[in-house]
């Protein structure tokens, strides 16, 4: 069974932390519960790759800069991601950036 990575990321990535229960429900609904760990790992690897772009820097980022960073990353490394996955990644990444003081808050 193949799965839609865009939909998987949209089901998992959320503001205030990842939604493991909702993601599990998505896996059951899409007949890929046997790939739960694999899909979760892929999703977290995508999140981590983007977070690594700003983690440890002394810079803060605007929401637009984070959005541009995520879109550029996805275009280059994750071209199968579309609007739903990218939006969910932005929600999660913005929350992490805010939580760790990398997001500019006006």
Protein backbone atom coordinates (compact mmCIF):
# COMPACT_ATOMS: atom_id res chain seq x y z
CA UNK A 1 0.00 0.00 0.00
CA UNK A 2 1.33 3.40 -0.93
CA UNK A 3 0.32 6.49 0.95
CA UNK A 4 0.04 10.17 0.23
CA UNK A 5 2.92 11.91 2.03
CA UNK A 6 1.18 15.29 1.80
CA UNK A 7 -1.91 13.94 3.57
CA UNK A 8 0.20 12.06 6.12
CA UNK A 9 2.08 15.20 7.12
CA UNK A 10 -1.17 17.16 7.22
CA UNK A 11 -2.58 14.52 9.59
CA UNK A 12 0.47 14.59 11.89
CA UNK A 13 1.96 18.10 12.01
CA UNK A 14 0.11 20.57 14.22
CA UNK A 15 0.66 23.71 16.22
CA UNK A 16 1.29 22.90 19.87
CA UNK A 17 2.83 19.53 18.97
CA UNK A 18 2.26 16.63 16.66
CA UNK A 19 -1.09 14.84 16.66
CA UNK A 20 -0.16 11.19 17.09
CA UNK A 21 -3.75 10.04 17.73
CA UNK A 22 -5.10 11.86 14.68
CA UNK A 23 -2.22 10.48 12.66
CA UNK A 24 -2.96 6.94 13.83
CA UNK A 25 -6.61 7.42 12.87
CA UNK A 26 -5.47 8.66 9.45
CA UNK A 27 -3.27 5.56 9.02
CA UNK A 28 -6.18 3.26 9.90
CA UNK A 29 -8.53 5.10 7.55
CA UNK A 30 -5.97 4.93 4.72
CA UNK A 31 -5.08 1.25 5.29
CA UNK A 32 -1.46 1.97 6.14
CA UNK A 33 -1.36 1.35 9.89
CA UNK A 34 1.34 -1.27 9.19
CA UNK A 35 3.53 1.62 7.99
CA UNK A 36 2.75 3.88 10.97
CA UNK A 37 6.33 3.98 12.29
CA UNK A 38 7.84 4.40 8.82
CA UNK A 39 5.53 7.27 7.89
CA UNK A 40 5.94 8.93 11.30
CA UNK A 41 9.73 8.74 10.98
CA UNK A 42 9.64 10.23 7.48
CA UNK A 43 7.40 13.05 8.71
CA UNK A 44 9.62 13.80 11.69
CA UNK A 45 12.72 13.72 9.47
CA UNK A 46 11.14 16.39 7.24
CA UNK A 47 10.27 18.51 10.29
CA UNK A 48 13.77 18.10 11.72
CA UNK A 49 15.46 19.01 8.43
CA UNK A 50 13.61 22.33 8.38
CA UNK A 51 14.16 23.04 12.08
CA UNK A 52 17.88 22.36 11.60
CA UNK A 53 17.99 25.33 9.21
CA UNK A 54 17.47 27.77 12.08
CA UNK A 55 18.25 25.83 15.25
CA UNK A 56 21.28 27.20 17.05
CA UNK A 57 21.39 30.47 15.14
CA UNK A 58 21.23 33.85 16.78
CA UNK A 59 18.65 35.05 14.27
CA UNK A 60 14.92 35.36 14.68
CA UNK A 61 12.58 34.86 11.74
CA UNK A 62 9.34 36.43 10.65
CA UNK A 63 6.42 34.21 9.77
CA UNK A 64 7.00 35.01 6.09
CA UNK A 65 10.67 34.00 6.35
CA UNK A 66 9.69 30.68 7.94
CA UNK A 67 7.08 30.13 5.25
CA UNK A 68 9.63 30.85 2.50
CA UNK A 69 12.15 28.52 4.18
CA UNK A 70 9.61 25.68 4.33
CA UNK A 71 8.45 26.17 0.74
CA UNK A 72 12.04 26.30 -0.55
CA UNK A 73 12.95 23.15 1.38
CA UNK A 74 9.89 21.29 0.12
CA UNK A 75 10.46 22.34 -3.50
CA UNK A 76 14.02 21.05 -3.36
CA UNK A 77 13.73 17.97 -1.14
CA UNK A 78 10.04 17.05 -0.82
CA UNK A 79 8.35 17.89 -4.14
CA UNK A 80 5.43 15.55 -3.36
CA UNK A 81 4.29 17.92 -0.62
CA UNK A 82 1.47 20.23 -1.60
CA UNK A 83 -0.57 22.88 0.17
CA UNK A 84 -2.02 20.74 3.01
CA UNK A 85 1.32 19.24 4.03
CA UNK A 86 3.16 22.53 3.70
CA UNK A 87 0.51 24.39 5.72
CA UNK A 88 0.69 21.79 8.49
CA UNK A 89 4.49 21.93 8.48
CA UNK A 90 4.28 25.71 8.78
CA UNK A 91 1.91 25.39 11.75
CA UNK A 92 4.28 23.00 13.52
CA UNK A 93 7.52 24.82 12.61
CA UNK A 94 6.09 28.23 13.59
CA UNK A 95 5.05 26.81 16.96
CA UNK A 96 8.53 25.33 17.54
CA UNK A 97 10.16 28.59 16.40
CA UNK A 98 7.92 30.60 18.74
CA UNK A 99 8.46 28.18 21.63
CA UNK A 100 12.25 28.36 21.24
CA UNK A 101 12.30 32.16 20.62
CA UNK A 102 13.21 32.00 16.93
CA UNK A 103 9.94 33.55 15.77
CA UNK A 104 9.66 37.32 15.66
CA UNK A 105 6.56 38.34 17.54
CA UNK A 106 5.32 41.86 16.87
